[in-house]
């Protein structure tokens, strides 16, 4: 297990209620830089709800604290990169990957021609994600794997303190899946907290540093071997997450 870098995320007693129901209750966990912390659980367990609370999209009780490894809270709001399961893209839209990159990662007006230097900078960053060749392609014509690589590139420019991935490979084919996971392994070398929701338990078992088993509350947490061997995991995934 990797040592914590300069920052870590501390989630303390998060509770989310809506419509008279408790969606997430008293969740506490720590996530460290340079590590992949995977949140797993059955459908409807509150995983995406927890992530939306962390992102500040849902009102909640409890605290989300970004701090140094010495436990001292950061004085600034962390920069967060987010990759959702999917986005709704009009297949007929002329908006290109470059248009999206300029809009979301720079202050340059999208309706003006993109300066050569800015395009080169964007292309250089996107090349890390095997996405520089996609810059002139309309978003609506990207395959599932191409779109997720583009979203990952957008989420990491500028460099975030925390990368949040909510089922990022949903609908991605085998080749795209392998490439995405390779990119994720590369990103873990960077100084950022990586939070991942995944139903791909074989990947979680092999590559996550920490695992949190959630069913509205935390049922188990620790290294993959510990969590996958516990009774709560066997009850949540009677087939071991296979089939």
Protein backbone atom coordinates (compact mmCIF):
# COMPACT_ATOMS: atom_id res chain seq x y z
CA UNK A 1 0.00 0.00 0.00
CA UNK A 2 1.34 3.43 -0.95
CA UNK A 3 2.17 6.12 1.55
CA UNK A 4 -0.09 9.15 1.66
CA UNK A 5 1.20 12.10 -0.34
CA UNK A 6 0.63 15.75 0.45
CA UNK A 7 -3.11 15.53 0.88
CA UNK A 8 -5.87 13.17 1.89
CA UNK A 9 -9.64 13.22 2.03
CA UNK A 10 -11.46 12.71 5.31
CA UNK A 11 -15.19 12.04 5.20
CA UNK A 12 -16.69 12.26 8.67
CA UNK A 13 -20.21 11.08 9.54
CA UNK A 14 -21.86 11.95 6.22
CA UNK A 15 -25.64 11.50 6.22
CA UNK A 16 -27.90 12.33 3.28
CA UNK A 17 -31.69 12.41 3.62
CA UNK A 18 -34.25 13.19 0.91
CA UNK A 19 -37.97 12.65 0.54
CA UNK A 20 -38.28 11.29 4.05
CA UNK A 21 -35.68 8.58 3.34
CA UNK A 22 -32.12 8.14 4.55
CA UNK A 23 -29.99 7.55 1.46
CA UNK A 24 -26.60 7.48 3.21
CA UNK A 25 -26.11 7.28 6.96
CA UNK A 26 -23.11 8.12 9.13
CA UNK A 27 -20.43 7.32 6.53
CA UNK A 28 -16.82 7.95 7.51
CA UNK A 29 -13.74 7.06 5.49
CA UNK A 30 -10.27 8.30 4.58
CA UNK A 31 -8.77 8.33 1.09
CA UNK A 32 -5.09 8.98 0.48
CA UNK A 33 -3.06 10.48 -2.34
CA UNK A 34 -1.46 8.10 -4.79
CA UNK A 35 -4.01 5.42 -3.98
CA UNK A 36 -7.21 4.14 -5.53
CA UNK A 37 -10.04 3.98 -3.02
CA UNK A 38 -12.91 1.94 -4.47
CA UNK A 39 -16.47 2.16 -3.20
CA UNK A 40 -18.48 -0.97 -3.95
CA UNK A 41 -21.96 -2.22 -3.12
CA UNK A 42 -25.22 -3.45 -4.58
CA UNK A 43 -27.34 -1.24 -6.84
CA UNK A 44 -29.12 1.37 -4.74
CA UNK A 45 -26.57 1.18 -1.92
CA UNK A 46 -25.98 4.95 -1.99
CA UNK A 47 -22.61 5.02 -3.77
CA UNK A 48 -23.44 7.79 -6.25
CA UNK A 49 -25.33 9.66 -3.54
CA UNK A 50 -22.20 9.64 -1.37
CA UNK A 51 -20.10 10.93 -4.26
CA UNK A 52 -22.58 13.71 -4.99
CA UNK A 53 -22.41 14.73 -1.34
CA UNK A 54 -18.61 14.81 -1.52
CA UNK A 55 -18.84 16.97 -4.65
CA UNK A 56 -21.19 19.36 -2.85
CA UNK A 57 -24.14 18.59 -5.12
CA UNK A 58 -26.38 17.28 -2.34
CA UNK A 59 -27.12 18.78 1.08
CA UNK A 60 -25.78 16.57 3.84
CA UNK A 61 -24.82 16.38 7.46
CA UNK A 62 -21.23 15.69 8.42
CA UNK A 63 -17.92 16.98 7.10
CA UNK A 64 -15.78 16.53 4.02
CA UNK A 65 -12.23 17.66 4.84
CA UNK A 66 -9.27 17.83 2.48
CA UNK A 67 -6.04 17.94 4.44
CA UNK A 68 -2.33 17.29 4.49
CA UNK A 69 -1.02 13.92 5.58
CA UNK A 70 -0.37 15.50 8.98
CA UNK A 71 -4.13 15.98 9.36
CA UNK A 72 -4.07 19.77 9.07
CA UNK A 73 -7.06 20.89 6.92
CA UNK A 74 -6.22 22.70 3.71
CA UNK A 75 -6.95 26.42 3.63
CA UNK A 76 -8.22 26.26 0.08
CA UNK A 77 -11.01 24.35 -1.58
CA UNK A 78 -9.61 21.26 -3.33
CA UNK A 79 -9.63 21.11 -7.10
CA UNK A 80 -11.82 18.17 -8.08
CA UNK A 81 -11.90 16.32 -11.39
CA UNK A 82 -15.05 14.29 -12.07
CA UNK A 83 -15.76 11.54 -14.58
CA UNK A 84 -19.43 10.44 -14.65
CA UNK A 85 -20.88 7.18 -15.92
CA UNK A 86 -21.89 8.94 -19.11
CA UNK A 87 -23.03 12.27 -20.50
CA UNK A 88 -25.88 13.09 -22.81
CA UNK A 89 -24.43 14.16 -26.15
CA UNK A 90 -26.50 15.09 -29.20
CA UNK A 91 -25.21 12.85 -31.98
CA UNK A 92 -25.84 15.60 -34.50
CA UNK A 93 -24.07 18.35 -32.56
CA UNK A 94 -21.06 19.90 -34.32
CA UNK A 95 -19.32 20.50 -30.99
CA UNK A 96 -15.88 18.91 -31.18
CA UNK A 97 -13.60 17.54 -28.51
CA UNK A 98 -11.41 20.63 -28.95
CA UNK A 99 -14.44 22.89 -28.42
CA UNK A 100 -15.18 21.10 -25.15
CA UNK A 101 -11.55 21.24 -24.03
CA UNK A 102 -11.30 24.97 -24.73
CA UNK A 103 -14.59 25.64 -22.93
CA UNK A 104 -13.89 23.57 -19.84
CA UNK A 105 -10.14 23.90 -19.38
CA UNK A 106 -9.30 27.44 -20.48
CA UNK A 107 -10.69 30.96 -20.47
CA UNK A 108 -10.45 31.33 -24.24
CA UNK A 109 -13.85 32.17 -25.82
CA UNK A 110 -15.13 29.08 -27.63
CA UNK A 111 -16.49 31.14 -30.55
CA UNK A 112 -13.03 32.46 -31.50
CA UNK A 113 -10.38 30.55 -33.46
CA UNK A 114 -8.19 28.55 -31.08
CA UNK A 115 -4.62 29.88 -30.93
CA UNK A 116 -1.98 27.41 -32.07
CA UNK A 117 -0.26 27.45 -28.68
CA UNK A 118 -3.46 26.60 -26.83
CA UNK A 119 -4.27 23.79 -29.24
CA UNK A 120 -0.77 22.39 -28.83
CA UNK A 121 -1.06 22.54 -25.04
CA UNK A 122 -4.41 20.74 -25.11
CA UNK A 123 -3.12 18.16 -27.59
CA UNK A 124 -0.08 17.54 -25.40
CA UNK A 125 -2.27 16.82 -22.39
CA UNK A 126 -4.74 14.71 -24.37
CA UNK A 127 -1.91 12.63 -25.81
CA UNK A 128 -1.40 11.12 -22.35
CA UNK A 129 -4.90 9.66 -22.71
CA UNK A 130 -4.55 8.52 -26.32
CA UNK A 131 -7.09 11.21 -27.18
CA UNK A 132 -5.09 13.86 -29.06
CA UNK A 133 -6.20 12.38 -32.38
CA UNK A 134 -9.83 12.98 -31.36
CA UNK A 135 -9.64 16.77 -30.99
CA UNK A 136 -11.44 17.53 -34.26
CA UNK A 137 -14.02 14.77 -33.87
CA UNK A 138 -17.59 15.73 -32.86
CA UNK A 139 -18.46 14.58 -29.36
CA UNK A 140 -21.55 12.81 -30.62
CA UNK A 141 -19.48 10.53 -32.84
CA UNK A 142 -17.16 9.21 -30.15
CA UNK A 143 -17.31 5.58 -29.10
CA UNK A 144 -17.90 4.78 -25.44
CA UNK A 145 -14.20 4.23 -24.81
CA UNK A 146 -13.19 7.37 -26.70
CA UNK A 147 -15.68 9.48 -24.77
CA UNK A 148 -14.47 8.21 -21.40
CA UNK A 149 -10.83 8.93 -22.33
CA UNK A 150 -11.85 12.45 -23.34
CA UNK A 151 -13.74 12.92 -20.06
CA UNK A 152 -10.72 11.66 -18.13
CA UNK A 153 -8.47 14.11 -19.97
CA UNK A 154 -10.88 16.98 -19.24
CA UNK A 155 -11.12 16.01 -15.57
CA UNK A 156 -7.34 16.15 -15.13
CA UNK A 157 -6.67 19.52 -16.77
CA UNK A 158 -5.70 21.41 -14.71
CA UNK A 159 -4.22 18.82 -12.35
CA UNK A 160 -6.81 18.05 -9.65
CA UNK A 161 -6.25 17.32 -5.98
CA UNK A 162 -8.95 14.69 -6.16
CA UNK A 163 -10.27 12.59 -9.06
CA UNK A 164 -13.79 11.20 -8.65
CA UNK A 165 -14.84 8.38 -11.00
CA UNK A 166 -18.47 7.21 -10.92
CA UNK A 167 -18.68 3.93 -12.87
CA UNK A 168 -16.44 5.41 -15.57
CA UNK A 169 -16.31 2.28 -17.76
CA UNK A 170 -20.04 1.62 -17.98
CA UNK A 171 -20.78 0.68 -21.60
CA UNK A 172 -17.13 0.60 -22.67
CA UNK A 173 -15.98 -2.38 -24.75
CA UNK A 174 -13.12 -4.71 -23.84
CA UNK A 175 -10.39 -2.86 -25.73
CA UNK A 176 -11.52 0.49 -24.38
CA UNK A 177 -11.75 -1.00 -20.90
CA UNK A 178 -8.15 -2.20 -20.95
CA UNK A 179 -6.88 1.17 -22.14
CA UNK A 180 -8.91 3.10 -19.57
CA UNK A 181 -7.58 0.97 -16.73
CA UNK A 182 -4.03 1.40 -18.02
CA UNK A 183 -4.52 5.17 -17.91
CA UNK A 184 -5.90 4.94 -14.38
CA UNK A 185 -2.84 2.98 -13.27
CA UNK A 186 -0.68 5.75 -14.72
CA UNK A 187 -2.65 8.45 -12.92
CA UNK A 188 -2.16 6.83 -9.54
CA UNK A 189 1.49 7.92 -9.76
CA UNK A 190 0.31 11.53 -9.63
CA UNK A 191 -0.26 13.31 -6.35
CA UNK A 192 -4.04 13.07 -6.18
CA UNK A 193 -6.76 11.26 -4.29
CA UNK A 194 -8.59 8.82 -6.58
CA UNK A 195 -12.12 7.76 -5.61
CA UNK A 196 -13.75 5.09 -7.76
CA UNK A 197 -17.21 3.54 -7.88
CA UNK A 198 -16.97 0.28 -9.76
CA UNK A 199 -18.97 -2.89 -10.38
CA UNK A 200 -15.85 -4.45 -11.90
CA UNK A 201 -14.90 -6.35 -8.76
CA UNK A 202 -12.08 -8.24 -10.46
CA UNK A 203 -10.37 -4.91 -11.15
CA UNK A 204 -11.04 -3.69 -7.61
CA UNK A 205 -9.65 -6.90 -6.13
CA UNK A 206 -6.41 -6.62 -8.14
CA UNK A 207 -5.72 -2.91 -8.20
CA UNK A 208 -7.51 -0.91 -5.48
CA UNK A 209 -5.51 0.08 -2.43
CA UNK A 210 -8.53 0.54 -0.19
CA UNK A 211 -12.08 -0.74 -0.54
CA UNK A 212 -15.26 0.52 1.11
CA UNK A 213 -18.31 -1.77 1.06
CA UNK A 214 -21.40 0.41 1.27
CA UNK A 215 -25.07 -0.26 1.81
CA UNK A 216 -26.25 3.14 2.98
CA UNK A 217 -23.79 2.61 5.82
CA UNK A 218 -20.22 1.38 5.71
CA UNK A 219 -20.38 -2.41 6.09
CA UNK A 220 -16.63 -2.99 5.75
CA UNK A 221 -13.48 -1.11 4.76
CA UNK A 222 -9.82 -1.93 4.40
CA UNK A 223 -7.54 -3.55 1.86
CA UNK A 224 -9.21 -5.65 -0.88
CA UNK A 225 -8.29 -9.02 0.63
CA UNK A 226 -9.86 -8.09 3.96
CA UNK A 227 -13.08 -6.68 2.52
CA UNK A 228 -13.59 -9.44 -0.06
CA UNK A 229 -13.17 -12.09 2.66
CA UNK A 230 -15.71 -10.63 5.10
CA UNK A 231 -19.25 -11.92 5.70
CA UNK A 232 -20.81 -8.62 4.64
CA UNK A 233 -19.21 -8.93 1.20
CA UNK A 234 -20.45 -12.50 0.76
CA UNK A 235 -23.97 -11.39 1.67
CA UNK A 236 -23.85 -8.44 -0.73
CA UNK A 237 -22.32 -10.48 -3.55
CA UNK A 238 -23.30 -14.16 -3.08
CA UNK A 239 -21.58 -15.14 -6.33
CA UNK A 240 -18.42 -13.20 -5.47
CA UNK A 241 -19.40 -10.47 -7.90
CA UNK A 242 -19.18 -12.84 -10.85
CA UNK A 243 -22.06 -13.66 -13.16
